[in-house]
């Protein structure tokens, strides 16, 4: 066990999982965040723990560890979690080929099961039957409600002995201490910075030299569906098979991508792929798009929202499809295909960023690896 002091900048999912893993390893922990609660990508997402999107091998094992930790912590803390799996639907022949190839490439016993259309419709009545060829059911995927899950992790971090300071900005990193906006120096033995854009202020040269860029997404939430209505799983379709790296080794992935670029070039141009996840109040979170750059105008695009809804309606039929809210999210993403960018600009300083939209999935495993490196 350790008795050193870890300072963590950022109280989102990356920061909190690092805090909890460090506490479990015996470190003293202080978490600082400039806001009065998590406001960034940690609460602007589907709440989906998504091992199926991760590359087979080490990254998938990391994702499965994350799913395991979420279940353990939810059971102890009592926040909502639903381990209902995912259903990847195929409407184009090329998409069905990809799913069959993926199932064949995957290791036996990993919880994947190919379904034909009649099996799907008997268990998942929200799925649009028109043109449906088949689907891949995966049991590993899990849903949490982002806001309540982050709040629960924050309270757990405090209860386990960490000091959590909201409304506290770190303005400078010294050799063995951080300087806060209220003039304090807080010493550390290890420093983790998991604060998104704040990293550009603390280590501007290092971040500028790293191949990452901002990604803006648009998402929506429906009104709660009638009592008893269940999606039954996290639902995705053809476009998603070209978004996540796990499917790229499938021989038919190229043919699917080429067909999508011909049939829905506007979706490919805006990075639209569709995921539908149901939350505890019965509402359905729908998204999303992916636009890249370093700065974006403040307005959301109605055109992009309509693209998302158009593609969503192709494979999900809801009793009450009315949209209740819309929002944007921004996160950092690698330009060279990395799903987690870790920098060590100085000894005992770790910058964690660019989780590529998989922060809820990969943060627990990355935190475990980070802390193990200090032993």
Protein backbone atom coordinates (compact mmCIF):
# COMPACT_ATOMS: atom_id res chain seq x y z
CA UNK A 1 0.00 0.00 0.00
CA UNK A 2 1.05 3.60 -0.63
CA UNK A 3 0.98 6.72 1.52
CA UNK A 4 1.76 9.27 -1.20
CA UNK A 5 -0.59 12.06 -2.30
CA UNK A 6 -2.29 12.09 -5.68
CA UNK A 7 -3.81 15.31 -7.01
CA UNK A 8 -6.36 14.84 -9.78
CA UNK A 9 -7.52 17.77 -11.90
CA UNK A 10 -10.97 17.06 -13.31
CA UNK A 11 -14.00 15.47 -11.62
CA UNK A 12 -15.48 13.77 -14.66
CA UNK A 13 -15.47 10.04 -15.33
CA UNK A 14 -11.73 9.86 -16.06
CA UNK A 15 -10.78 11.82 -12.96
CA UNK A 16 -13.15 9.97 -10.64
CA UNK A 17 -12.13 6.49 -11.78
CA UNK A 18 -8.48 7.47 -11.27
CA UNK A 19 -9.38 8.76 -7.81
CA UNK A 20 -11.18 5.56 -6.81
CA UNK A 21 -8.49 3.25 -8.18
CA UNK A 22 -5.83 5.31 -6.37
CA UNK A 23 -7.78 5.17 -3.09
CA UNK A 24 -8.10 1.40 -3.41
CA UNK A 25 -4.32 1.20 -3.88
CA UNK A 26 -3.73 3.19 -0.67
CA UNK A 27 -2.95 6.65 -2.03
CA UNK A 28 -4.21 9.85 -0.45
CA UNK A 29 -6.29 11.70 -3.05
CA UNK A 30 -7.40 15.27 -3.74
CA UNK A 31 -9.69 15.96 -6.70
CA UNK A 32 -10.12 19.50 -8.05
CA UNK A 33 -12.57 20.81 -10.63
CA UNK A 34 -13.16 24.39 -11.78
CA UNK A 35 -16.96 23.89 -12.00
CA UNK A 36 -19.40 23.08 -9.22
CA UNK A 37 -20.21 19.70 -10.84
CA UNK A 38 -19.21 17.63 -13.87
CA UNK A 39 -20.54 19.44 -16.96
CA UNK A 40 -18.59 18.06 -19.91
CA UNK A 41 -18.55 14.86 -21.94
CA UNK A 42 -19.04 12.75 -18.79
CA UNK A 43 -22.69 13.81 -18.58
CA UNK A 44 -23.39 14.49 -22.27
CA UNK A 45 -23.31 10.94 -23.54
CA UNK A 46 -25.46 7.84 -23.93
CA UNK A 47 -24.37 6.32 -20.63
CA UNK A 48 -23.40 3.24 -22.61
CA UNK A 49 -20.55 0.98 -21.57
CA UNK A 50 -19.58 -0.32 -24.99
CA UNK A 51 -17.09 -3.22 -25.19
CA UNK A 52 -18.39 -4.25 -28.61
CA UNK A 53 -16.90 -1.08 -30.10
CA UNK A 54 -13.40 -1.83 -28.81
CA UNK A 55 -10.65 -3.63 -30.64
CA UNK A 56 -10.32 -7.32 -29.74
CA UNK A 57 -7.46 -8.06 -27.39
CA UNK A 58 -6.12 -5.73 -24.73
CA UNK A 59 -8.60 -2.92 -25.40
CA UNK A 60 -11.62 -5.21 -25.22
CA UNK A 61 -10.32 -6.72 -21.98
CA UNK A 62 -9.99 -3.19 -20.63
CA UNK A 63 -13.59 -2.48 -21.64
CA UNK A 64 -14.87 -5.67 -20.03
CA UNK A 65 -13.06 -4.71 -16.83
CA UNK A 66 -14.85 -1.37 -16.99
CA UNK A 67 -18.24 -3.09 -17.32
CA UNK A 68 -17.38 -5.27 -14.32
CA UNK A 69 -16.42 -2.27 -12.18
CA UNK A 70 -19.58 -0.35 -13.13
CA UNK A 71 -21.72 -3.29 -12.03
CA UNK A 72 -19.84 -3.68 -8.75
CA UNK A 73 -20.03 0.00 -7.87
CA UNK A 74 -23.69 0.34 -8.93
CA UNK A 75 -24.60 -2.59 -6.67
CA UNK A 76 -22.83 -0.95 -3.73
CA UNK A 77 -23.98 2.63 -4.36
CA UNK A 78 -27.49 1.92 -5.58
CA UNK A 79 -27.54 3.96 -8.77
CA UNK A 80 -29.39 2.79 -11.89
CA UNK A 81 -27.58 0.34 -14.17
CA UNK A 82 -29.03 -2.01 -16.75
CA UNK A 83 -26.85 -4.80 -18.20
CA UNK A 84 -29.18 -5.42 -21.13
CA UNK A 85 -26.58 -5.87 -23.88
CA UNK A 86 -26.62 -4.42 -27.39
CA UNK A 87 -28.32 -5.32 -30.65
CA UNK A 88 -26.47 -4.42 -33.86
CA UNK A 89 -29.07 -4.50 -36.64
CA UNK A 90 -28.33 -5.09 -40.32
CA UNK A 91 -30.55 -3.73 -43.09
CA UNK A 92 -28.04 -3.84 -45.95
CA UNK A 93 -26.61 -7.13 -47.18
CA UNK A 94 -23.08 -5.78 -46.60
CA UNK A 95 -23.94 -4.98 -42.97
CA UNK A 96 -25.22 -8.51 -42.42
CA UNK A 97 -21.98 -9.82 -43.93
CA UNK A 98 -19.97 -7.67 -41.48
CA UNK A 99 -21.90 -9.00 -38.49
CA UNK A 100 -21.47 -12.62 -39.57
CA UNK A 101 -17.74 -12.06 -40.13
CA UNK A 102 -17.40 -10.30 -36.77
CA UNK A 103 -19.10 -13.20 -34.99
CA UNK A 104 -16.77 -15.62 -36.77
CA UNK A 105 -13.64 -13.64 -35.93
CA UNK A 106 -14.59 -13.27 -32.28
CA UNK A 107 -13.61 -15.84 -29.70
CA UNK A 108 -16.20 -18.44 -28.79
CA UNK A 109 -17.94 -17.79 -25.51
CA UNK A 110 -17.65 -14.01 -25.62
CA UNK A 111 -21.40 -13.58 -25.47
CA UNK A 112 -22.16 -12.89 -29.15
CA UNK A 113 -25.20 -14.40 -30.85
CA UNK A 114 -26.42 -13.96 -34.42
CA UNK A 115 -30.19 -13.55 -34.78
CA UNK A 116 -32.42 -13.76 -37.83
CA UNK A 117 -35.28 -11.33 -38.31
CA UNK A 118 -38.04 -13.50 -36.77
CA UNK A 119 -35.97 -14.00 -33.60
CA UNK A 120 -35.32 -10.26 -33.33
CA UNK A 121 -38.93 -9.16 -33.69
CA UNK A 122 -40.21 -11.59 -31.08
CA UNK A 123 -37.85 -10.19 -28.44
CA UNK A 124 -37.37 -6.57 -29.56
CA UNK A 125 -40.73 -5.19 -30.74
CA UNK A 126 -39.36 -1.64 -31.20
CA UNK A 127 -37.20 -2.79 -34.13
CA UNK A 128 -38.46 -1.81 -37.58
CA UNK A 129 -39.02 -5.07 -39.51
CA UNK A 130 -38.90 -3.49 -42.99
CA UNK A 131 -35.80 -4.70 -44.80
CA UNK A 132 -34.30 -6.29 -41.70
CA UNK A 133 -31.77 -9.02 -42.52
CA UNK A 134 -30.45 -9.98 -39.11
CA UNK A 135 -28.63 -8.77 -36.04
CA UNK A 136 -25.82 -9.50 -33.63
CA UNK A 137 -26.74 -9.58 -29.96
CA UNK A 138 -23.89 -8.91 -27.53
CA UNK A 139 -24.43 -9.42 -23.81
CA UNK A 140 -21.54 -7.27 -22.53
CA UNK A 141 -22.99 -3.78 -23.05
CA UNK A 142 -24.46 -1.93 -20.08
CA UNK A 143 -26.34 1.33 -19.56
CA UNK A 144 -26.01 3.84 -16.74
CA UNK A 145 -27.62 7.24 -16.35
CA UNK A 146 -24.62 9.60 -16.75
CA UNK A 147 -25.64 12.36 -14.34
CA UNK A 148 -26.71 10.11 -11.47
CA UNK A 149 -23.76 7.75 -12.02
CA UNK A 150 -21.23 10.61 -11.88
CA UNK A 151 -22.91 12.02 -8.78
CA UNK A 152 -22.74 8.60 -7.12
CA UNK A 153 -19.05 8.18 -8.00
CA UNK A 154 -18.34 11.64 -6.57
CA UNK A 155 -20.01 10.74 -3.26
CA UNK A 156 -18.21 7.39 -3.19
CA UNK A 157 -14.88 9.15 -3.75
CA UNK A 158 -15.56 11.46 -0.80
CA UNK A 159 -16.77 8.65 1.43
CA UNK A 160 -13.67 6.58 0.66
CA UNK A 161 -11.52 9.40 2.04
CA UNK A 162 -10.67 11.72 -0.86
CA UNK A 163 -10.89 15.49 -0.65
CA UNK A 164 -13.02 16.77 -3.56
CA UNK A 165 -12.83 20.50 -4.25
CA UNK A 166 -15.28 21.95 -6.76
CA UNK A 167 -15.05 25.57 -7.91
CA UNK A 168 -11.27 25.23 -7.73
CA UNK A 169 -9.15 26.09 -10.76
CA UNK A 170 -5.58 24.92 -11.14
CA UNK A 171 -3.66 27.71 -12.85
CA UNK A 172 -0.08 26.40 -12.79
CA UNK A 173 1.80 23.13 -12.35
CA UNK A 174 5.06 23.43 -10.44
CA UNK A 175 7.66 20.71 -9.89
CA UNK A 176 5.86 19.09 -6.96
CA UNK A 177 2.73 21.20 -6.44
CA UNK A 178 -0.19 22.80 -8.22
CA UNK A 179 -1.11 26.43 -7.76
CA UNK A 180 -4.83 27.17 -7.46
CA UNK A 181 -6.73 30.31 -8.40
CA UNK A 182 -7.20 31.17 -4.72
CA UNK A 183 -3.43 31.32 -4.17
CA UNK A 184 -2.80 27.92 -2.55
CA UNK A 185 -0.01 25.49 -3.33
CA UNK A 186 -1.11 21.86 -3.09
CA UNK A 187 1.77 19.40 -3.10
CA UNK A 188 1.60 16.07 -4.92
CA UNK A 189 3.57 12.88 -5.34
CA UNK A 190 1.59 12.09 -8.50
CA UNK A 191 -0.54 14.44 -10.58
CA UNK A 192 -3.27 13.33 -13.00
CA UNK A 193 -4.84 15.92 -15.28
CA UNK A 194 -8.11 14.74 -16.81
CA UNK A 195 -9.74 18.06 -17.51
CA UNK A 196 -10.39 18.27 -21.23
CA UNK A 197 -9.76 21.77 -22.54
CA UNK A 198 -8.12 22.85 -19.28
CA UNK A 199 -5.05 20.89 -20.35
CA UNK A 200 -4.38 23.43 -23.09
CA UNK A 201 -3.94 26.10 -20.41
CA UNK A 202 -1.61 24.04 -18.23
CA UNK A 203 0.50 22.33 -20.91
CA UNK A 204 -0.14 24.28 -24.13
CA UNK A 205 2.98 23.18 -26.02
CA UNK A 206 2.56 19.50 -25.22
CA UNK A 207 -1.11 19.50 -26.20
CA UNK A 208 -0.43 21.49 -29.38
CA UNK A 209 2.17 18.91 -30.42
CA UNK A 210 -0.20 15.97 -29.85
CA UNK A 211 -2.31 14.69 -32.79
CA UNK A 212 -5.72 15.39 -31.24
CA UNK A 213 -8.65 17.55 -32.26
CA UNK A 214 -12.03 18.58 -30.91
CA UNK A 215 -15.08 16.57 -31.84
CA UNK A 216 -18.54 18.11 -31.57
CA UNK A 217 -21.59 15.88 -31.39
CA UNK A 218 -25.33 16.50 -31.34
CA UNK A 219 -27.72 14.37 -29.32
CA UNK A 220 -31.40 14.29 -28.35
CA UNK A 221 -33.71 12.77 -25.79
CA UNK A 222 -37.33 11.75 -26.40
CA UNK A 223 -40.13 12.17 -23.92
CA UNK A 224 -40.60 9.14 -21.64
CA UNK A 225 -42.21 6.24 -23.47
CA UNK A 226 -45.41 4.62 -22.18
CA UNK A 227 -45.14 2.49 -19.07
CA UNK A 228 -43.88 -0.98 -19.88
CA UNK A 229 -42.24 -0.06 -23.20
CA UNK A 230 -38.67 -1.34 -23.40
CA UNK A 231 -36.07 -1.21 -26.16
CA UNK A 232 -34.64 -4.38 -24.61
CA UNK A 233 -31.03 -3.50 -25.52
CA UNK A 234 -28.91 -0.64 -26.79
CA UNK A 235 -29.81 -0.50 -30.49
CA UNK A 236 -27.50 0.42 -33.38
CA UNK A 237 -27.57 -0.20 -37.12
CA UNK A 238 -25.56 -0.14 -40.36
CA UNK A 239 -23.89 3.27 -39.92
CA UNK A 240 -22.45 2.29 -36.54
CA UNK A 241 -20.59 -0.66 -38.03
CA UNK A 242 -18.40 1.85 -39.89
CA UNK A 243 -17.83 4.05 -36.84
CA UNK A 244 -16.19 1.86 -34.21
CA UNK A 245 -12.76 0.24 -34.81
CA UNK A 246 -13.81 -3.24 -33.68
CA UNK A 247 -15.54 -3.98 -37.00
CA UNK A 248 -12.78 -2.73 -39.28
CA UNK A 249 -11.03 -6.10 -39.60
CA UNK A 250 -14.14 -7.63 -41.13
CA UNK A 251 -13.58 -8.18 -44.88
CA UNK A 252 -16.99 -6.71 -45.80
CA UNK A 253 -16.47 -3.47 -43.84
CA UNK A 254 -14.99 -1.76 -46.90
CA UNK A 255 -17.94 -2.72 -49.10
CA UNK A 256 -20.39 -1.48 -46.47
CA UNK A 257 -18.56 1.82 -46.15
CA UNK A 258 -18.54 2.32 -49.92
CA UNK A 259 -22.28 1.64 -50.14
CA UNK A 260 -23.06 4.04 -47.31
CA UNK A 261 -20.96 6.75 -48.91
CA UNK A 262 -23.04 6.38 -52.08
CA UNK A 263 -26.46 6.10 -50.41
CA UNK A 264 -26.12 8.47 -47.43
CA UNK A 265 -23.10 10.70 -48.16
CA UNK A 266 -24.59 13.47 -46.02
CA UNK A 267 -24.46 11.18 -42.96
CA UNK A 268 -20.89 10.17 -43.66
CA UNK A 269 -19.90 13.83 -44.12
CA UNK A 270 -21.34 14.77 -40.70
CA UNK A 271 -20.13 11.63 -38.96
CA UNK A 272 -23.67 10.50 -38.22
CA UNK A 273 -24.11 7.05 -36.76
CA UNK A 274 -27.13 6.12 -34.72
CA UNK A 275 -27.39 4.67 -31.25
CA UNK A 276 -30.54 4.44 -29.14
CA UNK A 277 -30.34 3.89 -25.37
CA UNK A 278 -33.20 3.91 -22.90
CA UNK A 279 -32.83 5.62 -19.52
CA UNK A 280 -34.64 4.91 -16.24
CA UNK A 281 -37.45 7.41 -16.82
CA UNK A 282 -38.35 5.61 -20.05
CA UNK A 283 -36.89 8.28 -22.35
CA UNK A 284 -34.71 7.31 -25.31
CA UNK A 285 -31.37 9.03 -25.93
CA UNK A 286 -30.71 9.28 -29.67
CA UNK A 287 -27.56 10.36 -31.50
CA UNK A 288 -25.11 11.25 -32.68
CA UNK A 289 -22.99 13.24 -35.12
CA UNK A 290 -19.24 13.89 -35.27
CA UNK A 291 -17.78 17.12 -36.63
CA UNK A 292 -14.08 17.81 -36.25
CA UNK A 293 -12.01 20.95 -35.78
CA UNK A 294 -10.61 23.10 -32.98
CA UNK A 295 -13.47 25.59 -32.68
CA UNK A 296 -17.18 25.44 -33.48
CA UNK A 297 -19.99 27.98 -33.80
CA UNK A 298 -22.34 28.05 -30.78
CA UNK A 299 -25.47 27.04 -32.69
CA UNK A 300 -26.55 23.45 -33.21
CA UNK A 301 -27.46 22.38 -36.73
CA UNK A 302 -31.12 21.55 -37.39
CA UNK A 303 -29.96 19.77 -40.53
CA UNK A 304 -27.77 17.41 -38.51
CA UNK A 305 -30.58 16.74 -36.01
CA UNK A 306 -32.89 15.83 -38.88
CA UNK A 307 -30.29 13.47 -40.36
CA UNK A 308 -30.01 11.72 -37.00
CA UNK A 309 -33.78 11.39 -36.64
CA UNK A 310 -34.24 10.25 -40.23
CA UNK A 311 -31.74 7.42 -39.81
CA UNK A 312 -33.07 6.57 -36.35
CA UNK A 313 -36.60 6.07 -37.71
CA UNK A 314 -35.27 3.55 -40.22
CA UNK A 315 -34.68 0.96 -37.51
CA UNK A 316 -36.60 2.01 -34.38
CA UNK A 317 -40.35 2.54 -34.08
CA UNK A 318 -41.40 4.35 -30.89
CA UNK A 319 -44.89 4.77 -29.45
CA UNK A 320 -44.09 8.39 -28.55
CA UNK A 321 -41.25 9.75 -30.71
CA UNK A 322 -41.51 13.42 -29.66
CA UNK A 323 -38.16 15.01 -28.80
CA UNK A 324 -38.00 16.62 -25.37
CA UNK A 325 -34.44 18.03 -25.38
CA UNK A 326 -31.39 18.52 -27.59
CA UNK A 327 -27.77 19.25 -26.72
CA UNK A 328 -24.19 19.41 -27.92
CA UNK A 329 -21.15 17.72 -26.50
CA UNK A 330 -17.48 18.35 -27.18
CA UNK A 331 -14.59 16.03 -26.46
CA UNK A 332 -11.04 15.59 -27.69
CA UNK A 333 -10.25 12.80 -30.14
CA UNK A 334 -7.06 11.41 -31.60
CA UNK A 335 -6.42 12.10 -35.28
CA UNK A 336 -4.40 8.87 -35.63
CA UNK A 337 -6.93 6.37 -34.32
CA UNK A 338 -5.94 6.11 -30.67
CA UNK A 339 -8.81 5.57 -28.24
CA UNK A 340 -6.89 6.96 -25.26
CA UNK A 341 -4.07 9.46 -25.31
CA UNK A 342 -1.80 9.49 -22.26
CA UNK A 343 1.03 12.03 -21.98
CA UNK A 344 3.77 12.37 -19.37
CA UNK A 345 5.13 15.90 -19.90
CA UNK A 346 7.07 15.75 -16.64
CA UNK A 347 8.08 13.15 -14.11
CA UNK A 348 5.08 12.29 -11.87
CA UNK A 349 2.65 14.17 -14.16
CA UNK A 350 0.10 12.24 -16.27
CA UNK A 351 -2.27 13.85 -18.77
CA UNK A 352 -5.20 11.67 -19.83
CA UNK A 353 -7.32 12.78 -22.76
CA UNK A 354 -8.90 11.88 -26.11
CA UNK A 355 -10.84 8.76 -25.09
CA UNK A 356 -12.54 8.85 -28.49
CA UNK A 357 -16.08 8.70 -27.15
CA UNK A 358 -15.29 5.62 -25.04
CA UNK A 359 -14.61 7.31 -21.71
CA UNK A 360 -17.44 5.56 -19.86
CA UNK A 361 -16.13 2.25 -21.22
CA UNK A 362 -12.36 2.50 -20.90
CA UNK A 363 -11.70 4.86 -17.96
CA UNK A 364 -11.75 2.22 -15.22
CA UNK A 365 -9.16 0.08 -17.00
CA UNK A 366 -6.99 3.05 -17.91
CA UNK A 367 -7.05 4.23 -14.29
CA UNK A 368 -5.98 0.79 -13.10
CA UNK A 369 -3.07 0.85 -15.55
CA UNK A 370 -2.04 4.39 -14.57
CA UNK A 371 -1.97 3.64 -10.84
CA UNK A 372 -0.17 0.30 -11.37
CA UNK A 373 2.59 2.25 -13.12
CA UNK A 374 3.33 4.16 -9.91
CA UNK A 375 3.99 1.09 -7.76
